[in-house]
Amino acid sequence: MHSVSICLRLLLLCFVIPSAVRSQDFCVADQCRILEFSPEKAFEEKRLIQHTIRIVEVVDPRFCENLCYMEPDCVSINLDKREDRHGNYKCELNNVTHEGYEHQLEDHEVFFYHAAESNCVKSPCKNNARCQSGFTDKGYRCICRPGFNGQRCSEDIDECVRGLHNCSLNAYCNNTKGSYNCTCKPGFIGNGRECEGITSCKEFYDKGKKANMSIVVTLLIDSQPVPVLCHLGNFGCGDGGWTPVMKIDGTKTTFHYNKLYWSDYRELNPTGGQTGFDEQETKLPTYWNTSFSQICLGMKIDQQLRFIVIKKQADSLFSLIADGKYRNTSLGRETWKSLIGSDASLQLNCNKEGFNANCGGKISSKARIGIVGKKKKNNCSNCTSRVGFGTGGWPFFSISCGNTAKGKLSITAIGYILCTIQENSSRQALYNVFCFSLPSFFGNLFYSYQGSQITRFSSCSVHTIGPCSRKYKNRFGPLFQTTFHYNAHYWRNYHEFSVEKLGLTNKK
């Protein structure tokens, strides 16, 4: 039945399409095809190899040419003249003729090769388009590859202009010949189809750039692109991605202790943030925008770089320094002196260290980040030596970074400040707001509000960051009892509710 079915279908073709196939009377528009197999291109005992696109079985050898007509890419045939046990013949349809491929027209005693007149021999189609012979009034048509159009596929399609791309909204689309590519905008990282904003070198490091190298990366800081030189890997402060914050030239007063740069939002020489450990002073927006859990402090003296690390969690360096309040660290005098080397000098007493280290008085030694010391033991007033960044006071008032001490010791340094976040650090710990109590059947239960979490304690005490105290117990209880009750309006409006609205003070 199968052979009969094929025979009946192809028998119809025999009446419609003669062996010299001319079909303009039976076609519409550019689907019309004229394909003529001339006797001059028929070769007994020949077979064209490596260009067969389809193999079919026919009951009559003459049907092979008709099938080639029906296959738009076919322009020649190989016919196996041997009849199989079902009475069928194998017909191979080729997408080229032997013209230009004579070396692939091989002797084969059981095959018959026949080529049609092809208008694709001279390759009229451009940009690797597929040429199909016998179509249109030109005698061929071009099937364009994606990215091209036109009768000969010579016109490039601008996918970016036409909106035919799949680039991210945070990426640029760049048209190329026959295609396009996507490039993430400054401040974003990804393959162009997907782009994520990065706000620190640590994020860049975590997204697969884990190598010991320095590379300029555009960070998205306060929604603005800021290019900085990210220091990746361990260059002296430990593994990770370190974001530059400031560079200070100790011979200049730009970042002297009393300068407003420590308490304002002005940036200075942002291009200096792209040049590494050189002498270009800079203050970047990372000073007030980048949170961290570690600060890397470096000093360069006589081309010798030395680093120390402070483990300190904060919203920004600005938040630790701008208000002028002292915040202590506990590195120890020897660690601070290691920034200077063997020539370091720091008086033995006081040794007040941290942020805004100041012994009081207009002429006393002070440091925005560092340690100060004095000779006498009685108190921490009138310090006369220091190691640090953003320094000032006696002796050597004008030195802003390095080491000075009574006795005319003066060592200036180029200072570098960078920051990063440890893997196990949580930014929620930065937002501990208050602790409060709620009356219950079992007495007052105490809670600490930290970021988005509320934690219950048996008593109210100092927890993480910020004081929690029993002195608020009586004042918090009645207010918090129904403020956020199930039926309270705060669950369905945009009103905020803060400690300030409670009128809390430090009074009992």
Protein backbone atom coordinates (compact mmCIF):
# COMPACT_ATOMS: atom_id res chain seq x y z
CA MET A 1 0.00 0.00 0.00
CA HIS A 2 2.88 2.37 0.80
CA SER A 3 4.41 1.98 -2.66
CA VAL A 4 1.06 2.39 -4.34
CA SER A 5 0.37 5.57 -2.39
CA ILE A 6 3.66 7.10 -3.45
CA CYS A 7 3.05 6.01 -7.01
CA LEU A 8 -0.37 7.64 -7.15
CA ARG A 9 0.87 10.90 -5.69
CA LEU A 10 3.87 11.14 -7.94
CA LEU A 11 1.87 10.03 -10.95
CA LEU A 12 -0.11 13.23 -10.55
CA LEU A 13 3.15 15.18 -10.64
CA CYS A 14 4.07 13.49 -13.88
CA PHE A 15 1.05 15.06 -15.53
CA VAL A 16 1.54 18.47 -13.98
CA ILE A 17 5.35 18.81 -14.14
CA PRO A 18 7.15 17.45 -17.18
CA SER A 19 10.76 16.33 -17.03
CA ALA A 20 11.93 19.76 -18.15
CA VAL A 21 10.20 21.45 -15.24
CA ARG A 22 8.40 24.66 -16.11
CA SER A 23 5.75 25.76 -13.66
CA GLN A 24 5.14 29.48 -14.09
CA ASP A 25 1.56 28.72 -15.03
CA PHE A 26 0.87 27.05 -11.69
CA CYS A 27 2.44 29.45 -9.15
CA VAL A 28 1.80 32.65 -7.24
CA ALA A 29 4.19 35.58 -6.67
CA ASP A 30 7.77 34.62 -5.74
CA GLN A 31 6.72 31.03 -4.96
CA CYS A 32 6.84 30.40 -8.69
CA ARG A 33 9.78 28.22 -9.74
CA ILE A 34 11.30 27.29 -13.08
CA LEU A 35 13.87 24.50 -12.92
CA GLU A 36 15.18 22.92 -16.12
CA PHE A 37 17.33 19.79 -16.26
CA SER A 38 19.15 20.00 -19.60
CA PRO A 39 20.66 16.93 -21.31
CA GLU A 40 24.10 18.61 -21.36
CA LYS A 41 24.33 18.27 -17.56
CA ALA A 42 23.40 14.63 -17.28
CA PHE A 43 26.22 12.20 -16.45
CA GLU A 44 26.02 8.43 -16.25
CA GLU A 45 28.07 6.66 -13.58
CA LYS A 46 28.66 9.91 -11.67
CA ARG A 47 27.65 11.01 -8.19
CA LEU A 48 28.08 14.42 -6.49
CA ILE A 49 29.12 13.89 -2.87
CA GLN A 50 28.89 15.92 0.36
CA HIS A 51 25.99 18.13 -0.76
CA THR A 52 22.97 15.86 -0.32
CA ILE A 53 20.18 17.56 1.65
CA ARG A 54 17.52 14.88 1.39
CA ILE A 55 17.14 11.22 0.32
CA VAL A 56 13.81 9.84 -0.89
CA GLU A 57 12.62 6.62 -2.51
CA VAL A 58 10.79 6.78 -5.83
CA VAL A 59 8.98 4.10 -7.83
CA ASP A 60 9.93 5.70 -11.14
CA PRO A 61 13.44 7.16 -11.73
CA ARG A 62 11.88 10.11 -13.59
CA PHE A 63 10.18 11.29 -10.39
CA CYS A 64 13.56 12.19 -8.86
CA GLU A 65 13.84 15.40 -10.90
CA ASN A 66 10.24 16.33 -10.03
CA LEU A 67 11.04 15.96 -6.33
CA CYS A 68 14.05 18.23 -6.80
CA TYR A 69 11.72 20.88 -8.19
CA MET A 70 9.56 20.60 -5.09
CA GLU A 71 12.58 21.00 -2.74
CA PRO A 72 13.43 24.75 -2.91
CA ASP A 73 17.15 24.24 -2.20
CA CYS A 74 17.65 21.41 -4.68
CA VAL A 75 19.46 22.00 -8.00
CA SER A 76 20.85 18.54 -8.84
CA ILE A 77 20.16 14.87 -8.21
CA ASN A 78 22.01 11.58 -7.72
CA LEU A 79 19.89 8.59 -8.73
CA ASP A 80 20.83 5.10 -7.60
CA LYS A 81 19.79 3.00 -10.63
CA ARG A 82 19.55 -0.19 -8.58
CA GLU A 83 16.02 -1.28 -7.80
CA ASP A 84 15.53 -2.44 -4.21
CA ARG A 85 13.41 -5.46 -3.19
CA HIS A 86 10.31 -3.22 -3.05
CA GLY A 87 10.83 -1.92 -6.56
CA ASN A 88 11.99 1.54 -5.40
CA TYR A 89 14.97 3.66 -6.37
CA LYS A 90 17.04 5.90 -4.09
CA CYS A 91 16.97 9.58 -5.06
CA GLU A 92 19.49 12.01 -3.53
CA LEU A 93 18.67 15.73 -3.70
CA ASN A 94 21.67 18.12 -3.75
CA ASN A 95 21.80 21.84 -2.98
CA VAL A 96 24.58 22.65 -5.49
CA THR A 97 25.52 21.56 -8.97
CA HIS A 98 28.89 20.22 -9.99
CA GLU A 99 29.88 23.67 -11.31
CA GLY A 100 32.56 24.85 -8.92
CA TYR A 101 32.58 21.45 -7.22
CA GLU A 102 34.02 19.30 -10.00
CA HIS A 103 36.40 17.66 -7.56
CA GLN A 104 33.39 16.24 -5.69
CA LEU A 105 31.78 14.73 -8.79
CA GLU A 106 33.03 11.17 -8.40
CA ASP A 107 32.82 8.05 -10.55
CA HIS A 108 30.16 5.67 -9.36
CA GLU A 109 28.95 2.97 -11.73
CA VAL A 110 25.46 2.49 -10.22
CA PHE A 111 24.57 6.22 -10.06
CA PHE A 112 23.26 8.74 -12.51
CA TYR A 113 23.88 12.46 -11.92
CA HIS A 114 21.78 15.26 -13.42
CA ALA A 115 22.10 19.02 -12.75
CA ALA A 116 19.56 21.75 -13.45
CA GLU A 117 20.40 25.16 -14.83
CA SER A 118 21.32 27.11 -11.65
CA ASN A 119 21.43 30.87 -11.26
CA CYS A 120 23.10 30.42 -7.88
CA VAL A 121 26.45 29.27 -9.32
CA LYS A 122 27.85 32.84 -9.18
CA SER A 123 26.65 33.30 -5.57
CA PRO A 124 24.54 36.44 -6.03
CA CYS A 125 23.32 36.41 -2.42
CA LYS A 126 25.36 38.27 0.18
CA ASN A 127 26.28 37.70 3.81
CA ASN A 128 26.09 33.89 3.66
CA ALA A 129 22.46 33.95 2.61
CA ARG A 130 20.95 30.80 1.08
CA CYS A 131 20.45 31.03 -2.65
CA GLN A 132 17.50 29.17 -4.20
CA SER A 133 17.54 28.87 -7.97
CA GLY A 134 14.51 29.11 -10.27
CA PHE A 135 12.55 31.72 -8.32
CA THR A 136 11.47 35.29 -9.25
CA ASP A 137 12.11 37.05 -12.52
CA LYS A 138 15.86 37.14 -11.68
CA GLY A 139 16.01 33.36 -11.69
CA TYR A 140 16.86 33.07 -8.00
CA ARG A 141 15.88 34.29 -4.55
CA CYS A 142 17.92 34.82 -1.38
CA ILE A 143 16.93 33.48 2.03
CA CYS A 144 18.59 35.88 4.45
CA ARG A 145 20.27 34.91 7.69
CA PRO A 146 18.94 36.61 10.83
CA GLY A 147 20.20 40.18 10.93
CA PHE A 148 19.97 40.90 7.18
CA ASN A 149 17.31 41.74 4.65
CA GLY A 150 16.88 43.00 1.08
CA GLN A 151 16.60 41.12 -2.21
CA ARG A 152 20.24 40.04 -2.02
CA CYS A 153 20.48 40.15 1.81
CA SER A 154 22.94 43.01 1.57
CA GLU A 155 21.15 45.27 4.06
CA ASP A 156 22.02 44.98 7.74
CA ILE A 157 19.09 45.09 10.18
CA ASP A 158 19.69 47.46 13.08
CA GLU A 159 18.10 45.43 15.88
CA CYS A 160 18.87 48.18 18.39
CA VAL A 161 16.90 50.84 16.52
CA ARG A 162 14.03 48.50 15.67
CA GLY A 163 13.76 47.14 19.20
CA LEU A 164 14.48 43.58 18.07
CA HIS A 165 17.09 42.94 20.77
CA ASN A 166 16.90 41.35 24.21
CA CYS A 167 19.38 43.59 26.02
CA SER A 168 18.72 44.48 29.64
CA LEU A 169 17.17 47.86 30.40
CA ASN A 170 20.45 48.54 32.19
CA ALA A 171 22.54 47.80 29.12
CA TYR A 172 23.54 49.48 25.88
CA CYS A 173 22.61 47.81 22.59
CA ASN A 174 25.35 48.03 19.96
CA ASN A 175 24.50 47.08 16.40
CA THR A 176 26.97 44.85 14.57
CA LYS A 177 26.94 43.39 11.07
CA GLY A 178 24.12 40.89 11.05
CA SER A 179 23.65 40.98 14.80
CA TYR A 180 24.13 43.12 17.92
CA ASN A 181 25.74 42.92 21.31
CA CYS A 182 24.67 44.08 24.74
CA THR A 183 26.97 45.87 27.17
CA CYS A 184 25.94 46.62 30.75
CA LYS A 185 25.85 50.30 31.57
CA PRO A 186 28.45 51.76 33.95
CA GLY A 187 27.61 50.66 37.47
CA PHE A 188 26.16 47.34 36.33
CA ILE A 189 27.73 43.95 35.72
CA GLY A 190 26.51 40.96 33.72
CA ASN A 191 26.32 39.55 30.20
CA GLY A 192 24.29 42.44 28.79
CA ARG A 193 21.09 40.42 28.73
CA GLU A 194 21.05 40.49 32.52
CA CYS A 195 22.77 43.35 34.37
CA GLU A 196 23.02 43.80 38.13
CA GLY A 197 23.98 47.04 39.82
CA ILE A 198 27.16 46.92 41.91
CA THR A 199 27.85 49.42 44.66
CA SER A 200 31.20 48.19 46.00
CA CYS A 201 34.33 46.38 44.94
CA LYS A 202 33.30 43.60 47.31
CA GLU A 203 30.19 42.93 45.20
CA PHE A 204 32.33 42.90 42.06
CA TYR A 205 34.71 40.45 43.74
CA ASP A 206 31.85 38.18 44.83
CA LYS A 207 30.42 38.01 41.30
CA GLY A 208 33.30 35.93 40.02
CA LYS A 209 36.26 38.31 39.77
CA LYS A 210 38.17 36.59 42.54
CA ALA A 211 41.76 37.27 41.55
CA ASN A 212 44.77 39.15 42.85
CA MET A 213 44.53 42.18 40.63
CA SER A 214 43.54 45.81 40.43
CA ILE A 215 40.93 46.80 37.88
CA VAL A 216 38.88 49.91 37.18
CA VAL A 217 35.23 49.15 37.88
CA THR A 218 32.29 51.53 37.58
CA LEU A 219 30.26 51.39 40.77
CA LEU A 220 26.69 52.61 41.13
CA ILE A 221 26.94 55.03 44.04
CA ASP A 222 23.92 57.08 45.01
CA SER A 223 22.45 56.07 41.61
CA GLN A 224 25.41 57.64 39.79
CA PRO A 225 28.20 55.77 37.96
CA VAL A 226 31.55 56.24 39.70
CA PRO A 227 34.66 54.57 38.23
CA VAL A 228 37.17 53.41 40.84
CA LEU A 229 40.19 51.12 40.93
CA CYS A 230 39.03 48.04 42.80
CA HIS A 231 41.78 46.17 44.62
CA LEU A 232 40.95 42.46 44.50
CA GLY A 233 42.55 39.67 46.48
CA ASN A 234 45.12 40.12 49.22
CA PHE A 235 47.46 43.05 48.64
CA GLY A 236 48.18 43.45 52.35
CA CYS A 237 44.78 43.74 54.00
CA GLY A 238 43.36 40.27 53.42
CA ASP A 239 41.28 38.67 50.70
CA GLY A 240 38.27 40.38 49.21
CA GLY A 241 37.25 43.33 47.10
CA TRP A 242 38.48 46.60 48.58
CA THR A 243 36.78 49.88 47.66
CA PRO A 244 38.94 53.05 47.68
CA VAL A 245 37.69 55.91 49.82
CA MET A 246 40.47 58.48 50.24
CA LYS A 247 44.10 59.23 49.44
CA ILE A 248 45.96 61.77 51.57
CA ASP A 249 49.28 63.51 50.92
CA GLY A 250 50.76 64.17 54.35
CA THR A 251 52.83 67.10 53.06
CA LYS A 252 49.64 68.99 52.17
CA THR A 253 46.87 70.35 54.35
CA THR A 254 43.98 69.29 52.08
CA PHE A 255 42.82 66.72 54.63
CA HIS A 256 44.17 68.36 57.76
CA TYR A 257 42.20 67.53 60.91
CA ASN A 258 40.32 70.86 60.79
CA LYS A 259 39.35 70.76 57.11
CA LEU A 260 35.68 70.55 56.15
CA TYR A 261 36.33 67.60 53.84
CA TRP A 262 35.91 65.33 56.89
CA SER A 263 32.38 66.57 57.57
CA ASP A 264 30.86 67.38 54.17
CA TYR A 265 29.70 65.60 51.04
CA ARG A 266 32.16 67.15 48.62
CA GLU A 267 34.30 64.87 46.50
CA LEU A 268 37.82 65.76 45.49
CA ASN A 269 39.63 64.71 42.30
CA PRO A 270 37.47 61.64 41.54
CA THR A 271 39.90 60.52 38.81
CA GLY A 272 42.40 59.88 41.59
CA GLY A 273 40.20 56.97 42.62
CA GLN A 274 41.26 55.15 39.45
CA THR A 275 45.02 55.42 39.83
CA GLY A 276 45.91 53.12 42.73
CA PHE A 277 48.56 53.69 45.37
CA ASP A 278 50.04 56.90 43.98
CA GLU A 279 50.30 60.49 45.27
CA GLN A 280 47.05 61.88 43.83
CA GLU A 281 44.87 63.10 46.68
CA THR A 282 41.24 62.09 46.36
CA LYS A 283 38.00 61.85 48.26
CA LEU A 284 35.32 59.70 46.65
CA PRO A 285 31.55 59.47 47.20
CA THR A 286 32.31 56.13 48.86
CA TYR A 287 33.27 58.27 51.90
CA TRP A 288 29.60 58.85 52.67
CA ASN A 289 27.86 56.12 50.68
CA THR A 290 29.66 52.82 51.24
CA SER A 291 29.00 50.62 54.26
CA PHE A 292 31.71 48.32 55.56
CA SER A 293 32.84 45.99 58.29
CA GLN A 294 36.58 46.45 57.72
CA ILE A 295 38.76 49.45 56.97
CA CYS A 296 42.15 49.05 55.34
CA LEU A 297 44.64 51.79 56.24
CA GLY A 298 47.85 52.11 54.29
CA MET A 299 50.83 54.44 54.43
CA LYS A 300 53.56 54.83 51.86
CA ILE A 301 56.89 56.17 53.09
CA ASP A 302 59.91 56.19 50.79
CA GLN A 303 57.98 53.95 48.34
CA GLN A 304 57.45 51.36 51.11
CA LEU A 305 53.78 50.41 51.57
CA ARG A 306 52.46 49.12 54.90
CA PHE A 307 48.89 48.25 55.84
CA ILE A 308 46.77 47.60 58.92
CA VAL A 309 43.08 46.64 59.20
CA ILE A 310 40.40 47.95 61.56
CA LYS A 311 37.37 45.71 62.08
CA LYS A 312 34.60 48.22 62.43
CA GLN A 313 31.05 48.09 61.12
CA ALA A 314 29.37 51.29 59.95
CA ASP A 315 27.15 52.80 57.29
CA SER A 316 30.07 54.85 56.00
CA LEU A 317 33.31 56.47 57.08
CA PHE A 318 31.40 59.74 57.15
CA SER A 319 29.11 58.32 59.85
CA LEU A 320 32.13 57.63 62.08
CA ILE A 321 33.93 60.94 61.61
CA ALA A 322 31.71 63.81 60.44
CA ASP A 323 30.05 64.52 63.80
CA GLY A 324 33.44 64.92 65.51
CA LYS A 325 32.61 62.40 68.23
CA TYR A 326 35.36 60.11 69.46
CA ARG A 327 34.93 56.42 68.65
CA ASN A 328 37.56 54.11 69.97
CA THR A 329 39.41 51.19 68.43
CA SER A 330 41.64 48.64 70.14
CA LEU A 331 44.47 47.88 67.75
CA GLY A 332 47.22 48.86 70.20
CA ARG A 333 50.13 51.26 69.82
CA GLU A 334 52.46 48.74 68.16
CA THR A 335 49.97 48.08 65.36
CA TRP A 336 49.64 51.78 64.62
CA LYS A 337 53.41 52.22 64.72
CA SER A 338 53.80 49.38 62.21
CA LEU A 339 52.41 51.74 59.56
CA ILE A 340 55.56 53.83 59.91
CA GLY A 341 58.18 51.15 60.34
CA SER A 342 61.24 51.05 62.58
CA ASP A 343 61.50 54.86 62.74
CA ALA A 344 58.07 55.26 64.37
CA SER A 345 57.82 57.16 67.64
CA LEU A 346 54.81 57.45 69.93
CA GLN A 347 54.85 58.60 73.53
CA LEU A 348 53.89 55.93 76.03
CA ASN A 349 50.93 57.48 77.80
CA CYS A 350 47.31 58.18 76.94
CA ASN A 351 47.47 56.33 73.60
CA LYS A 352 43.94 57.30 72.71
CA GLU A 353 43.10 55.58 69.42
CA GLY A 354 40.24 55.40 66.96
CA PHE A 355 38.17 57.95 65.09
CA ASN A 356 38.42 61.65 66.02
CA ALA A 357 41.20 60.86 68.52
CA ASN A 358 41.76 64.20 70.25
CA CYS A 359 43.26 65.06 73.61
CA GLY A 360 41.49 68.40 73.76
CA GLY A 361 42.90 71.85 73.31
CA LYS A 362 43.64 73.73 70.13
CA ILE A 363 47.30 72.79 69.89
CA SER A 364 47.12 69.19 71.14
CA SER A 365 47.94 66.37 68.70
CA LYS A 366 44.85 64.87 67.06
CA ALA A 367 43.88 62.48 64.27
CA ARG A 368 40.69 61.78 62.39
CA ILE A 369 41.83 58.13 62.23
CA GLY A 370 44.78 57.15 64.36
CA ILE A 371 46.37 57.27 67.80
CA VAL A 372 47.70 60.09 69.97
CA GLY A 373 50.08 59.95 72.94
CA LYS A 374 51.74 62.05 75.57
CA LYS A 375 54.66 61.88 77.94
CA LYS A 376 52.97 62.43 81.31
CA LYS A 377 50.74 59.84 82.92
CA ASN A 378 48.22 62.04 84.71
CA ASN A 379 45.59 62.39 81.95
CA CYS A 380 44.97 62.59 78.19
CA SER A 381 45.22 66.36 77.79
CA ASN A 382 47.79 68.12 75.63
CA CYS A 383 49.07 65.12 73.66
CA THR A 384 52.28 65.75 71.77
CA SER A 385 52.65 62.75 69.44
CA ARG A 386 50.48 61.01 66.88
CA VAL A 387 50.27 58.41 64.12
CA GLY A 388 47.37 58.71 61.77
CA PHE A 389 45.33 60.12 58.94
CA GLY A 390 43.83 63.60 58.90
CA THR A 391 46.11 64.76 61.66
CA GLY A 392 46.79 68.16 63.20
CA GLY A 393 48.08 69.92 66.29
CA TRP A 394 51.48 70.29 67.89
CA PRO A 395 54.14 69.46 66.91
CA PHE A 396 54.30 70.12 63.14
CA PHE A 397 50.80 71.51 62.71
CA SER A 398 50.74 71.24 58.92
CA ILE A 399 51.42 67.50 58.61
CA SER A 400 48.13 65.76 57.73
CA CYS A 401 49.25 62.13 57.50
CA GLY A 402 52.13 60.25 59.07
CA ASN A 403 53.93 60.34 62.44
CA THR A 404 55.00 63.29 64.55
CA ALA A 405 56.34 63.40 68.10
CA LYS A 406 57.81 65.86 70.52
CA GLY A 407 61.54 66.03 69.94
CA LYS A 408 61.21 67.15 66.34
CA LEU A 409 60.31 63.78 64.83
CA SER A 410 58.41 64.36 61.61
CA ILE A 411 57.57 61.60 59.13
CA THR A 412 55.11 62.42 56.36
CA ALA A 413 53.30 59.68 54.47
CA ILE A 414 50.89 59.16 51.60
CA GLY A 415 47.81 57.67 53.23
CA TYR A 416 45.31 55.27 51.69
CA ILE A 417 41.89 54.40 53.08
CA LEU A 418 39.85 51.50 51.65
CA CYS A 419 36.93 49.45 52.94
CA THR A 420 35.15 46.13 52.47
CA ILE A 421 32.47 43.93 54.02
CA GLN A 422 33.22 40.53 55.53
CA GLU A 423 31.29 37.49 54.27
CA ASN A 424 29.50 36.94 57.58
CA SER A 425 28.71 40.57 58.28
CA SER A 426 25.10 41.65 58.31
CA ARG A 427 24.03 45.17 57.55
CA GLN A 428 21.03 44.70 59.82
CA ALA A 429 23.31 45.05 62.80
CA LEU A 430 23.85 48.68 61.82
CA TYR A 431 20.22 49.61 62.39
CA ASN A 432 19.49 48.62 65.97
CA VAL A 433 17.14 51.42 66.93
CA PHE A 434 15.82 50.82 70.40
CA CYS A 435 14.63 48.32 72.91
CA PHE A 436 11.18 48.29 74.43
CA SER A 437 8.93 46.19 76.62
CA LEU A 438 5.44 44.83 76.18
CA PRO A 439 3.23 43.99 79.15
CA SER A 440 2.00 40.40 79.17
CA PHE A 441 0.42 37.90 81.50
CA PHE A 442 3.94 36.91 82.53
CA GLY A 443 5.17 40.44 83.26
CA ASN A 444 7.08 42.78 81.01
CA LEU A 445 8.81 41.13 78.05
CA PHE A 446 11.75 43.05 76.61
CA TYR A 447 12.48 43.40 72.92
CA SER A 448 15.29 44.80 70.79
CA TYR A 449 14.46 46.22 67.37
CA GLN A 450 17.29 45.56 64.91
CA GLY A 451 16.82 46.25 61.21
CA SER A 452 13.80 44.15 60.25
CA GLN A 453 14.03 41.82 63.22
CA ILE A 454 12.56 42.06 66.70
CA THR A 455 14.21 39.86 69.28
CA ARG A 456 12.86 39.06 72.75
CA PHE A 457 15.07 39.12 75.86
CA SER A 458 14.49 38.42 79.52
CA SER A 459 15.82 41.87 80.35
CA CYS A 460 16.73 45.01 78.46
CA SER A 461 20.45 45.62 78.16
CA VAL A 462 23.11 46.75 75.74
CA HIS A 463 22.72 44.66 72.57
CA THR A 464 24.70 44.84 69.34
CA ILE A 465 24.75 48.58 68.50
CA GLY A 466 23.01 51.26 70.51
CA PRO A 467 21.93 51.16 74.16
CA CYS A 468 18.82 49.40 75.42
CA SER A 469 17.94 50.37 78.95
CA ARG A 470 15.44 49.50 81.67
CA LYS A 471 14.74 53.18 82.16
CA TYR A 472 12.45 53.10 79.09
CA LYS A 473 10.35 50.23 80.44
CA ASN A 474 7.53 52.18 82.03
CA ARG A 475 7.25 54.68 79.21
CA PHE A 476 7.31 52.13 76.37
CA GLY A 477 4.86 49.68 77.85
CA PRO A 478 1.53 51.54 77.54
CA LEU A 479 2.41 53.05 74.17
CA PHE A 480 3.52 49.86 72.48
CA GLN A 481 0.66 47.85 73.85
CA THR A 482 -1.81 49.01 71.14
CA THR A 483 0.26 51.10 68.72
CA PHE A 484 0.63 48.19 66.31
CA HIS A 485 -2.48 46.31 67.35
CA TYR A 486 -4.17 44.22 64.63
CA ASN A 487 -6.76 46.97 64.12
CA ALA A 488 -4.35 49.89 64.29
CA HIS A 489 -4.30 52.24 61.28
CA TYR A 490 -0.49 51.96 60.95
CA TRP A 491 -0.91 48.66 59.08
CA ARG A 492 -2.79 50.32 56.22
CA ASN A 493 -1.29 53.81 55.76
CA TYR A 494 2.03 55.47 54.97
CA HIS A 495 2.59 57.10 58.37
CA GLU A 496 5.92 56.45 60.05
CA PHE A 497 6.29 55.89 63.76
CA SER A 498 9.61 56.61 65.43
CA VAL A 499 11.27 56.93 68.79
CA GLU A 500 11.16 60.73 68.40
CA LYS A 501 7.36 60.60 68.37
CA LEU A 502 7.45 58.90 71.73
CA GLY A 503 9.34 61.87 73.18
CA LEU A 504 11.98 59.64 74.72
CA THR A 505 14.94 61.14 76.49
CA ASN A 506 17.72 59.75 78.61
CA LYS A 507 15.90 60.78 81.75
CA LYS A 508 14.45 58.18 84.07
